[in-house]
Amino acid sequence: MTKLTPIESEFATTEDAEAHDAWVRAKVERALASTKQRIPHDAVMAKAQAVLDKYK
């Protein structure tokens, strides 16, 4: 187990970093393989902007 410092990584060990990387990669692979209907970028950004505008 290789310990890491906060300057090197947000994870305590290389094993933690590798496990997180594997988890993210698996999520991305599932998302890319998904057959769910896609939401256009402009629609997502408009919805996010509406949320932000609500708190101005």
PDB file of N, CA and C in Angstrom:
ATOM      1  N   MET A   1       0.855  -1.174   0.000  1.00  0.00           N
ATOM      2  CA  MET A   1       0.000   0.000   0.000  1.00  0.00           C
ATOM      3  C   MET A   1       0.902   1.239   0.000  1.00  0.00           C
ATOM      4  N   THR A   2       0.766   2.049  -1.022  1.00  0.00           N
ATOM      5  CA  THR A   2       1.543   3.281  -1.108  1.00  0.00           C
ATOM      6  C   THR A   2       0.707   4.426  -0.577  1.00  0.00           C
ATOM      7  N   LYS A   3       1.191   5.077   0.474  1.00  0.00           N
ATOM      8  CA  LYS A   3       0.470   6.212   1.035  1.00  0.00           C
ATOM      9  C   LYS A   3       0.772   7.455   0.213  1.00  0.00           C
ATOM     10  N   LEU A   4      -0.229   8.278   0.063  1.00  0.00           N
ATOM     11  CA  LEU A   4      -0.100   9.506  -0.703  1.00  0.00           C
ATOM     12  C   LEU A   4      -0.309  10.717   0.199  1.00  0.00           C
ATOM     13  N   THR A   5       0.293  11.829  -0.160  1.00  0.00           N
ATOM     14  CA  THR A   5       0.073  13.070   0.586  1.00  0.00           C
ATOM     15  C   THR A   5      -1.026  13.871  -0.106  1.00  0.00           C
ATOM     16  N   PRO A   6      -1.647  14.814   0.609  1.00  0.00           N
ATOM     17  CA  PRO A   6      -2.692  15.639  -0.016  1.00  0.00           C
ATOM     18  C   PRO A   6      -2.184  16.426  -1.226  1.00  0.00           C
ATOM     19  N   ILE A   7      -0.889  16.680  -1.291  1.00  0.00           N
ATOM     20  CA  ILE A   7      -0.337  17.388  -2.449  1.00  0.00           C
ATOM     21  C   ILE A   7      -0.351  16.482  -3.682  1.00  0.00           C
ATOM     22  N   GLU A   8      -0.151  15.186  -3.483  1.00  0.00           N
ATOM     23  CA  GLU A   8      -0.110  14.231  -4.593  1.00  0.00           C
ATOM     24  C   GLU A   8      -1.496  13.823  -5.072  1.00  0.00           C
ATOM     25  N   SER A   9      -2.421  13.650  -4.134  1.00  0.00           N
ATOM     26  CA  SER A   9      -3.719  13.087  -4.485  1.00  0.00           C
ATOM     27  C   SER A   9      -4.742  13.378  -3.399  1.00  0.00           C
ATOM     28  N   GLU A  10      -6.009  13.372  -3.777  1.00  0.00           N
ATOM     29  CA  GLU A  10      -7.062  13.522  -2.779  1.00  0.00           C
ATOM     30  C   GLU A  10      -7.336  12.209  -2.048  1.00  0.00           C
ATOM     31  N   PHE A  11      -6.696  11.126  -2.493  1.00  0.00           N
ATOM     32  CA  PHE A  11      -6.872   9.817  -1.880  1.00  0.00           C
ATOM     33  C   PHE A  11      -5.700   9.498  -0.963  1.00  0.00           C
ATOM     34  N   ALA A  12      -5.954   8.681   0.039  1.00  0.00           N
ATOM     35  CA  ALA A  12      -4.928   8.347   1.028  1.00  0.00           C
ATOM     36  C   ALA A  12      -3.900   7.366   0.482  1.00  0.00           C
ATOM     37  N   THR A  13      -4.334   6.475  -0.403  1.00  0.00           N
ATOM     38  CA  THR A  13      -3.421   5.459  -0.940  1.00  0.00           C
ATOM     39  C   THR A  13      -3.622   5.307  -2.445  1.00  0.00           C
ATOM     40  N   THR A  14      -2.636   4.698  -3.088  1.00  0.00           N
ATOM     41  CA  THR A  14      -2.784   4.438  -4.521  1.00  0.00           C
ATOM     42  C   THR A  14      -3.922   3.454  -4.778  1.00  0.00           C
ATOM     43  N   GLU A  15      -4.141   2.543  -3.843  1.00  0.00           N
ATOM     44  CA  GLU A  15      -5.236   1.584  -3.993  1.00  0.00           C
ATOM     45  C   GLU A  15      -6.577   2.304  -3.989  1.00  0.00           C
ATOM     46  N   ASP A  16      -6.730   3.293  -3.098  1.00  0.00           N
ATOM     47  CA  ASP A  16      -7.970   4.076  -3.064  1.00  0.00           C
ATOM     48  C   ASP A  16      -8.168   4.812  -4.384  1.00  0.00           C
ATOM     49  N   ALA A  17      -7.104   5.411  -4.895  1.00  0.00           N
ATOM     50  CA  ALA A  17      -7.177   6.145  -6.159  1.00  0.00           C
ATOM     51  C   ALA A  17      -7.543   5.208  -7.307  1.00  0.00           C
ATOM     52  N   GLU A  18      -6.940   4.036  -7.350  1.00  0.00           N
ATOM     53  CA  GLU A  18      -7.225   3.070  -8.416  1.00  0.00           C
ATOM     54  C   GLU A  18      -8.649   2.547  -8.316  1.00  0.00           C
ATOM     55  N   ALA A  19      -9.125   2.323  -7.108  1.00  0.00           N
ATOM     56  CA  ALA A  19     -10.502   1.850  -6.925  1.00  0.00           C
ATOM     57  C   ALA A  19     -11.488   2.917  -7.398  1.00  0.00           C
ATOM     58  N   HIS A  20     -11.216   4.172  -7.083  1.00  0.00           N
ATOM     59  CA  HIS A  20     -12.095   5.260  -7.523  1.00  0.00           C
ATOM     60  C   HIS A  20     -12.067   5.360  -9.044  1.00  0.00           C
ATOM     61  N   ASP A  21     -10.897   5.264  -9.638  1.00  0.00           N
ATOM     62  CA  ASP A  21     -10.767   5.319 -11.089  1.00  0.00           C
ATOM     63  C   ASP A  21     -11.580   4.206 -11.745  1.00  0.00           C
ATOM     64  N   ALA A  22     -11.491   3.007 -11.205  1.00  0.00           N
ATOM     65  CA  ALA A  22     -12.245   1.877 -11.756  1.00  0.00           C
ATOM     66  C   ALA A  22     -13.745   2.114 -11.637  1.00  0.00           C
ATOM     67  N   TRP A  23     -14.179   2.673 -10.521  1.00  0.00           N
ATOM     68  CA  TRP A  23     -15.596   2.961 -10.302  1.00  0.00           C
ATOM     69  C   TRP A  23     -16.096   3.979 -11.323  1.00  0.00           C
ATOM     70  N   VAL A  24     -15.334   5.063 -11.524  1.00  0.00           N
ATOM     71  CA  VAL A  24     -15.736   6.097 -12.487  1.00  0.00           C
ATOM     72  C   VAL A  24     -15.771   5.513 -13.900  1.00  0.00           C
ATOM     73  N   ARG A  25     -14.751   4.751 -14.261  1.00  0.00           N
ATOM     74  CA  ARG A  25     -14.708   4.164 -15.603  1.00  0.00           C
ATOM     75  C   ARG A  25     -15.905   3.236 -15.842  1.00  0.00           C
ATOM     76  N   ALA A  26     -16.296   2.466 -14.828  1.00  0.00           N
ATOM     77  CA  ALA A  26     -17.447   1.567 -14.958  1.00  0.00           C
ATOM     78  C   ALA A  26     -18.731   2.370 -15.155  1.00  0.00           C
ATOM     79  N   LYS A  27     -18.881   3.469 -14.430  1.00  0.00           N
ATOM     80  CA  LYS A  27     -20.069   4.318 -14.591  1.00  0.00           C
ATOM     81  C   LYS A  27     -20.131   4.910 -15.994  1.00  0.00           C
ATOM     82  N   VAL A  28     -18.995   5.361 -16.494  1.00  0.00           N
ATOM     83  CA  VAL A  28     -18.953   5.932 -17.842  1.00  0.00           C
ATOM     84  C   VAL A  28     -19.302   4.867 -18.883  1.00  0.00           C
ATOM     85  N   GLU A  29     -18.751   3.682 -18.728  1.00  0.00           N
ATOM     86  CA  GLU A  29     -19.051   2.598 -19.664  1.00  0.00           C
ATOM     87  C   GLU A  29     -20.545   2.274 -19.672  1.00  0.00           C
ATOM     88  N   ARG A  30     -21.152   2.201 -18.468  1.00  0.00           N
ATOM     89  CA  ARG A  30     -22.596   1.935 -18.393  1.00  0.00           C
ATOM     90  C   ARG A  30     -23.388   3.052 -19.065  1.00  0.00           C
ATOM     91  N   ALA A  31     -22.977   4.300 -18.849  1.00  0.00           N
ATOM     92  CA  ALA A  31     -23.686   5.432 -19.455  1.00  0.00           C
ATOM     93  C   ALA A  31     -23.579   5.387 -20.975  1.00  0.00           C
ATOM     94  N   LEU A  32     -22.400   5.082 -21.485  1.00  0.00           N
ATOM     95  CA  LEU A  32     -22.220   5.013 -22.935  1.00  0.00           C
ATOM     96  C   LEU A  32     -23.010   3.869 -23.557  1.00  0.00           C
ATOM     97  N   ALA A  33     -23.191   2.784 -22.809  1.00  0.00           N
ATOM     98  CA  ALA A  33     -23.918   1.625 -23.322  1.00  0.00           C
ATOM     99  C   ALA A  33     -25.428   1.749 -23.129  1.00  0.00           C
ATOM    100  N   SER A  34     -25.859   2.751 -22.380  1.00  0.00           N
ATOM    101  CA  SER A  34     -27.271   2.917 -22.066  1.00  0.00           C
ATOM    102  C   SER A  34     -28.100   3.190 -23.319  1.00  0.00           C
ATOM    103  N   THR A  35     -29.316   2.680 -23.312  1.00  0.00           N
ATOM    104  CA  THR A  35     -30.237   2.940 -24.414  1.00  0.00           C
ATOM    105  C   THR A  35     -31.314   3.952 -24.009  1.00  0.00           C
ATOM    106  N   LYS A  36     -31.160   4.548 -22.846  1.00  0.00           N
ATOM    107  CA  LYS A  36     -32.113   5.573 -22.403  1.00  0.00           C
ATOM    108  C   LYS A  36     -32.071   6.767 -23.348  1.00  0.00           C
ATOM    109  N   GLN A  37     -33.201   7.473 -23.408  1.00  0.00           N
ATOM    110  CA  GLN A  37     -33.272   8.661 -24.248  1.00  0.00           C
ATOM    111  C   GLN A  37     -32.289   9.714 -23.737  1.00  0.00           C
ATOM    112  N   ARG A  38     -31.546  10.307 -24.633  1.00  0.00           N
ATOM    113  CA  ARG A  38     -30.565  11.328 -24.283  1.00  0.00           C
ATOM    114  C   ARG A  38     -31.244  12.675 -24.131  1.00  0.00           C
ATOM    115  N   ILE A  39     -30.703  13.505 -23.253  1.00  0.00           N
ATOM    116  CA  ILE A  39     -31.213  14.861 -23.059  1.00  0.00           C
ATOM    117  C   ILE A  39     -30.228  15.809 -23.740  1.00  0.00           C
ATOM    118  N   PRO A  40     -30.719  16.657 -24.633  1.00  0.00           N
ATOM    119  CA  PRO A  40     -29.818  17.586 -25.322  1.00  0.00           C
ATOM    120  C   PRO A  40     -29.108  18.522 -24.345  1.00  0.00           C
ATOM    121  N   HIS A  41     -27.872  18.849 -24.658  1.00  0.00           N
ATOM    122  CA  HIS A  41     -27.054  19.717 -23.816  1.00  0.00           C
ATOM    123  C   HIS A  41     -27.766  21.035 -23.524  1.00  0.00           C
ATOM    124  N   ASP A  42     -28.352  21.648 -24.534  1.00  0.00           N
ATOM    125  CA  ASP A  42     -29.026  22.930 -24.345  1.00  0.00           C
ATOM    126  C   ASP A  42     -30.165  22.827 -23.335  1.00  0.00           C
ATOM    127  N   ALA A  43     -30.881  21.705 -23.338  1.00  0.00           N
ATOM    128  CA  ALA A  43     -31.985  21.516 -22.392  1.00  0.00           C
ATOM    129  C   ALA A  43     -31.462  21.396 -20.964  1.00  0.00           C
ATOM    130  N   VAL A  44     -30.355  20.678 -20.799  1.00  0.00           N
ATOM    131  CA  VAL A  44     -29.761  20.532 -19.466  1.00  0.00           C
ATOM    132  C   VAL A  44     -29.267  21.880 -18.957  1.00  0.00           C
ATOM    133  N   MET A  45     -28.592  22.630 -19.822  1.00  0.00           N
ATOM    134  CA  MET A  45     -28.055  23.930 -19.424  1.00  0.00           C
ATOM    135  C   MET A  45     -29.177  24.911 -19.089  1.00  0.00           C
ATOM    136  N   ALA A  46     -30.276  24.887 -19.831  1.00  0.00           N
ATOM    137  CA  ALA A  46     -31.413  25.766 -19.541  1.00  0.00           C
ATOM    138  C   ALA A  46     -32.023  25.433 -18.190  1.00  0.00           C
ATOM    139  N   LYS A  47     -32.123  24.147 -17.892  1.00  0.00           N
ATOM    140  CA  LYS A  47     -32.675  23.739 -16.596  1.00  0.00           C
ATOM    141  C   LYS A  47     -31.749  24.164 -15.457  1.00  0.00           C
ATOM    142  N   ALA A  48     -30.448  23.997 -15.647  1.00  0.00           N
ATOM    143  CA  ALA A  48     -29.485  24.417 -14.624  1.00  0.00           C
ATOM    144  C   ALA A  48     -29.529  25.927 -14.432  1.00  0.00           C
ATOM    145  N   GLN A  49     -29.642  26.674 -15.523  1.00  0.00           N
ATOM    146  CA  GLN A  49     -29.711  28.129 -15.420  1.00  0.00           C
ATOM    147  C   GLN A  49     -30.975  28.555 -14.680  1.00  0.00           C
ATOM    148  N   ALA A  50     -32.077  27.871 -14.903  1.00  0.00           N
ATOM    149  CA  ALA A  50     -33.325  28.188 -14.204  1.00  0.00           C
ATOM    150  C   ALA A  50     -33.165  27.991 -12.702  1.00  0.00           C
ATOM    151  N   VAL A  51     -32.467  26.942 -12.299  1.00  0.00           N
ATOM    152  CA  VAL A  51     -32.218  26.712 -10.883  1.00  0.00           C
ATOM    153  C   VAL A  51     -31.362  27.831 -10.309  1.00  0.00           C
ATOM    154  N   LEU A  52     -30.306  28.200 -11.021  1.00  0.00           N
ATOM    155  CA  LEU A  52     -29.433  29.283 -10.555  1.00  0.00           C
ATOM    156  C   LEU A  52     -30.186  30.599 -10.471  1.00  0.00           C
ATOM    157  N   ASP A  53     -31.020  30.889 -11.465  1.00  0.00           N
ATOM    158  CA  ASP A  53     -31.774  32.147 -11.468  1.00  0.00           C
ATOM    159  C   ASP A  53     -32.743  32.220 -10.295  1.00  0.00           C
ATOM    160  N   LYS A  54     -33.228  31.088  -9.863  1.00  0.00           N
ATOM    161  CA  LYS A  54     -34.184  31.049  -8.753  1.00  0.00           C
ATOM    162  C   LYS A  54     -33.530  31.549  -7.453  1.00  0.00           C
ATOM    163  N   TYR A  55     -32.220  31.419  -7.340  1.00  0.00           N
ATOM    164  CA  TYR A  55     -31.527  31.791  -6.110  1.00  0.00           C
ATOM    165  C   TYR A  55     -30.765  33.105  -6.208  1.00  0.00           C
ATOM    166  N   LYS A  56     -31.013  33.870  -7.259  1.00  0.00           N
ATOM    167  CA  LYS A  56     -30.360  35.183  -7.397  1.00  0.00           C
ATOM    168  C   LYS A  56     -31.037  36.206  -6.522  1.00  0.00           C
TER     169      LYS A  56
END
